[in-house]
Protein backbone atom coordinates (compact mmCIF):
# COMPACT_ATOMS: atom_id res chain seq x y z
CA MET A 1 24.19 -118.94 -109.24
CA ALA A 2 21.37 -116.32 -108.46
CA ASN A 3 20.25 -113.63 -110.56
CA LYS A 4 21.36 -110.11 -109.40
CA ILE A 5 18.80 -107.60 -109.18
CA LEU A 6 19.20 -103.75 -108.44
CA ILE A 7 16.17 -102.02 -106.97
CA ILE A 8 15.96 -98.00 -106.99
CA GLU A 9 13.38 -96.71 -105.18
CA ASP A 10 13.35 -93.87 -102.95
CA GLU A 11 9.97 -94.86 -100.96
CA SER A 12 11.28 -97.35 -98.36
CA ARG A 13 8.08 -99.12 -98.00
CA TYR A 14 8.16 -100.16 -101.52
CA ALA A 15 11.94 -100.82 -101.46
CA TYR A 16 11.83 -103.01 -98.55
CA ILE A 17 8.52 -105.00 -99.93
CA LEU A 18 10.15 -105.66 -103.10
CA GLU A 19 13.69 -106.72 -101.37
CA LYS A 20 11.78 -109.28 -99.51
CA TYR A 21 9.74 -110.62 -102.53
CA TYR A 22 12.94 -110.80 -104.65
CA SER A 23 14.98 -112.46 -101.92
CA ASN A 24 12.30 -114.93 -101.35
CA ASP A 25 12.27 -115.78 -105.03
CA GLY A 26 15.88 -116.30 -105.01
CA PHE A 27 17.49 -113.18 -106.23
CA GLU A 28 20.62 -111.72 -104.96
CA VAL A 29 19.16 -108.00 -104.22
CA LYS A 30 20.72 -104.60 -103.81
CA VAL A 31 18.50 -101.49 -102.87
CA ALA A 32 19.40 -97.92 -103.50
CA PHE A 33 17.17 -94.75 -102.27
CA ASP A 34 18.13 -92.13 -104.83
CA GLY A 35 19.47 -92.07 -108.56
CA LEU A 36 22.97 -91.25 -107.91
CA GLN A 37 23.75 -93.81 -105.30
CA GLY A 38 21.70 -96.30 -107.61
CA PHE A 39 23.82 -95.60 -110.38
CA ASN A 40 26.99 -95.90 -108.45
CA ILE A 41 25.79 -99.47 -106.97
CA PHE A 42 25.03 -100.51 -110.53
CA LYS A 43 28.60 -99.75 -111.77
CA GLU A 44 29.93 -102.14 -108.71
CA PHE A 45 27.35 -104.68 -108.62
CA LEU A 46 26.74 -105.16 -112.18
CA PRO A 47 23.28 -106.67 -111.84
CA ASP A 48 21.33 -108.80 -114.23
CA ILE A 49 18.52 -106.69 -114.05
CA VAL A 50 17.29 -103.15 -112.60
CA VAL A 51 13.98 -102.12 -111.42
CA LEU A 52 13.81 -98.44 -111.60
CA ASP A 53 11.63 -95.92 -110.21
CA ILE A 54 11.26 -92.36 -112.01
CA MET A 55 10.59 -90.01 -109.21
CA LEU A 56 13.93 -90.16 -107.46
CA PRO A 57 15.83 -87.77 -105.49
CA GLY A 58 19.02 -86.31 -107.37
CA LEU A 59 19.20 -87.84 -110.54
CA ASP A 60 15.82 -88.95 -111.81
CA GLY A 61 14.99 -92.39 -113.31
CA TYR A 62 15.16 -91.20 -116.70
CA GLU A 63 18.63 -89.89 -116.32
CA VAL A 64 19.92 -93.12 -114.52
CA ALA A 65 18.72 -95.01 -117.52
CA ARG A 66 20.24 -92.99 -119.83
CA ARG A 67 23.60 -93.26 -118.07
CA ILE A 68 23.14 -97.31 -117.91
CA ARG A 69 22.34 -97.26 -121.53
CA GLN A 70 25.38 -95.45 -122.39
CA GLU A 71 27.46 -98.43 -121.58
CA HIS A 72 25.11 -101.43 -120.76
CA ASP A 73 22.41 -103.12 -122.20
CA THR A 74 20.99 -104.47 -119.07
CA PRO A 75 17.28 -105.01 -118.91
CA ILE A 76 15.42 -102.07 -116.92
CA ILE A 77 11.87 -102.18 -115.76
CA MET A 78 10.75 -98.77 -115.07
CA MET A 79 8.10 -98.37 -112.38
CA SER A 80 6.07 -95.09 -111.67
CA ALA A 81 3.03 -93.39 -110.40
CA LEU A 82 3.14 -91.50 -113.90
CA SER A 83 0.46 -92.93 -116.14
CA GLU A 84 0.50 -90.23 -118.78
CA GLU A 85 1.56 -91.56 -122.23
CA GLN A 86 4.09 -89.19 -122.65
CA ASP A 87 5.76 -90.48 -119.61
CA ILE A 88 5.69 -93.96 -120.84
CA LEU A 89 7.03 -93.21 -124.46
CA LYS A 90 9.69 -91.10 -122.73
CA GLY A 91 10.83 -94.27 -120.90
CA TYR A 92 10.87 -96.20 -123.92
CA THR A 93 12.71 -93.69 -126.02
CA LEU A 94 15.42 -94.19 -123.27
CA GLN A 95 15.49 -97.98 -124.36
CA ILE A 96 14.13 -99.42 -120.99
CA ASP A 97 12.46 -102.85 -121.65
CA ASP A 98 9.23 -102.73 -119.50
CA TYR A 99 7.18 -100.62 -117.77
CA ILE A 100 4.69 -100.96 -114.71
CA THR A 101 2.54 -98.42 -113.21
CA LYS A 102 2.18 -97.90 -109.43
CA PRO A 103 0.17 -99.36 -107.55
CA PHE A 104 1.02 -102.71 -109.10
CA ARG A 105 0.55 -106.29 -108.06
CA ILE A 106 4.24 -107.79 -107.19
CA PRO A 107 3.42 -111.17 -108.79
CA ILE A 108 2.95 -109.23 -112.02
CA LEU A 109 6.34 -107.69 -111.62
CA LEU A 110 8.00 -110.79 -110.59
CA ALA A 111 6.55 -112.49 -113.86
CA LYS A 112 7.81 -109.34 -116.06
CA THR A 113 11.23 -109.68 -114.32
CA ARG A 114 11.50 -113.30 -114.98
CA ASN A 115 10.13 -113.12 -118.68
CA LEU A 116 13.03 -110.71 -119.35
CA LEU A 117 15.76 -112.62 -117.71
CA GLU A 118 14.38 -115.75 -119.63
CA ARG A 119 14.56 -113.66 -123.12
CA ARG A 120 18.08 -112.81 -122.21
CA LYS A 121 19.16 -116.54 -121.45
CA SER A 122 17.74 -117.44 -124.75
CA LEU A 123 19.46 -115.12 -126.73
CA LYS A 124 22.83 -115.93 -125.26
CA GLU A 125 22.11 -119.51 -125.97
CA ARG A 126 21.48 -118.60 -129.56
CA GLY A 127 24.97 -117.11 -129.84
CA GLY A 128 24.57 -113.93 -128.37
CA GLU A 129 23.23 -112.18 -131.71
CA GLU A 130 20.50 -109.81 -131.58
CA ILE A 131 19.77 -109.05 -135.22
CA LEU A 132 17.90 -106.37 -136.64
CA GLN A 133 17.57 -106.35 -140.60
CA VAL A 134 15.57 -103.97 -142.89
CA GLY A 135 16.30 -104.34 -146.37
CA LYS A 136 20.13 -104.87 -147.08
CA VAL A 137 21.14 -103.34 -143.83
CA LYS A 138 21.60 -105.45 -141.06
CA LEU A 139 22.56 -104.59 -137.40
CA ILE A 140 24.14 -106.95 -134.55
CA ARG A 141 22.52 -104.92 -132.02
CA ASN A 142 24.43 -106.24 -128.92
CA ASN A 143 27.83 -105.79 -130.64
CA LEU A 144 26.85 -102.47 -132.37
CA GLU A 145 27.79 -103.90 -135.64
CA CYS A 146 26.43 -102.86 -139.11
CA TYR A 147 26.57 -105.05 -142.12
CA ILE A 148 25.61 -104.44 -145.62
CA ASP A 149 25.54 -107.44 -147.70
CA ASP A 150 28.21 -109.01 -145.22
CA GLN A 151 30.41 -105.82 -145.42
CA LEU A 152 31.09 -104.33 -141.90
CA ILE A 153 30.16 -100.76 -142.11
CA LYS A 154 32.06 -98.56 -139.02
CA LEU A 155 29.74 -96.41 -137.34
CA THR A 156 30.09 -94.48 -134.20
CA LYS A 157 27.97 -95.48 -131.15
CA THR A 158 25.79 -92.46 -131.83
CA GLU A 159 25.41 -93.16 -135.67
CA PHE A 160 24.56 -96.59 -134.64
CA LYS A 161 21.93 -95.78 -131.97
CA LEU A 162 20.33 -93.35 -134.71
CA LEU A 163 20.34 -95.77 -137.35
CA GLU A 164 18.85 -98.55 -134.72
CA TYR A 165 16.04 -96.55 -133.64
CA LEU A 166 15.04 -95.30 -137.22
CA MET A 167 15.03 -98.90 -138.56
CA LEU A 168 13.00 -100.18 -135.49
CA ASN A 169 10.57 -97.59 -136.73
CA ALA A 170 10.81 -98.31 -140.07
CA GLY A 171 8.15 -96.87 -142.41
CA LYS A 172 7.19 -94.47 -139.39
CA THR A 173 8.10 -90.58 -139.08
CA CYS A 174 10.49 -89.92 -136.31
CA THR A 175 10.78 -86.64 -134.96
CA ARG A 176 13.88 -84.77 -134.33
CA GLU A 177 12.69 -84.11 -130.59
CA GLN A 178 12.42 -88.11 -130.33
CA LEU A 179 15.82 -88.65 -131.92
CA ILE A 180 17.37 -86.35 -129.28
CA LEU A 181 16.01 -88.01 -126.39
CA ILE A 182 17.23 -91.42 -127.84
CA LEU A 183 20.54 -90.03 -128.32
CA TRP A 184 21.07 -87.72 -125.41
CA GLY A 185 18.24 -87.63 -123.10
CA ASP A 186 16.64 -84.51 -122.08
CA LYS A 187 19.64 -82.14 -122.82
CA GLY A 188 19.41 -78.77 -124.66
CA ILE A 189 20.66 -79.78 -127.81
CA GLU A 190 20.07 -78.10 -130.82
CA ASN A 191 17.58 -80.09 -133.27
CA ARG A 192 19.56 -79.57 -136.38
CA ILE A 193 22.52 -81.91 -135.02
CA ILE A 194 20.39 -84.67 -136.12
CA ASP A 195 20.76 -83.33 -139.69
CA THR A 196 24.38 -83.78 -139.31
CA TYR A 197 24.09 -87.53 -138.26
CA VAL A 198 21.62 -88.29 -140.81
CA LYS A 199 23.70 -86.73 -143.47
CA SER A 200 26.84 -89.01 -142.36
CA LEU A 201 24.53 -92.11 -142.39
CA ARG A 202 23.31 -91.33 -145.82
CA LYS A 203 26.61 -91.17 -146.94
CA MET A 204 27.81 -94.38 -145.41
CA LEU A 205 24.72 -96.58 -146.48
CA GLY A 206 24.80 -95.17 -150.17
CA ASP A 207 22.12 -96.45 -152.47
CA ASN A 208 21.45 -99.40 -150.11
CA ALA A 209 18.91 -97.67 -147.94
CA THR A 210 16.63 -94.64 -148.05
CA ILE A 211 16.26 -92.08 -145.01
CA THR A 212 13.55 -89.69 -146.23
CA THR A 213 13.34 -86.37 -144.67
CA ILE A 214 9.89 -84.97 -143.33
CA PHE A 215 10.34 -81.52 -143.77
CA GLY A 216 9.95 -79.39 -140.73
CA ILE A 217 9.33 -82.91 -138.48
CA GLY A 218 12.12 -85.44 -138.89
CA TYR A 219 13.18 -88.35 -140.77
CA LYS A 220 11.76 -91.82 -141.89
CA PHE A 221 13.63 -94.90 -142.75
CA GLU A 222 11.90 -96.46 -145.88
CA LYS A 223 10.86 -100.12 -146.06
CA GLU A 224 11.92 -101.96 -148.99
């Protein structure tokens, strides 16, 4: 069965070239030319991977990625003429899987696509569990499950995503602004709401993990 790919790109020249190359490479391809259309097609088509431009009419690529990540872990490659570090980092805070800057060589994009799909296939063959563990805390990332010494700790989706990001960056300071982007995108949310979620996590983790407050900046998940 052919892998399904969704290309969301408002420049028709790019979109049709990519459609041709992916079709020739054996993919089943759908194309969308704006963010809202792309997200609607995503919900119906349920592709195996998404190639997503940032600068889109209507919903931009960041918002499309955020909406996809609310319900799905489908691999996303973000492409854009934007090459500033902050733009690339913003994409990664939304949990995209890879990034490519225009202009790019199509064989490189195809290689990135195949690499992500092979990693996903390998994960499924290993039983589907993607594990992240720091000290006593273990996350089954694809199932949104948290364990301490094999005891399941019940977390909301938001709590899980916050803990996951802190653990992925264990030993590093995460600013409140970064955490807001991870959890809610570019919404005008009061930074202090992060404090409430961290307080809840600390209560549930108890003495099994340490989340340090970096005053005036954010938080750090301590490595043991």
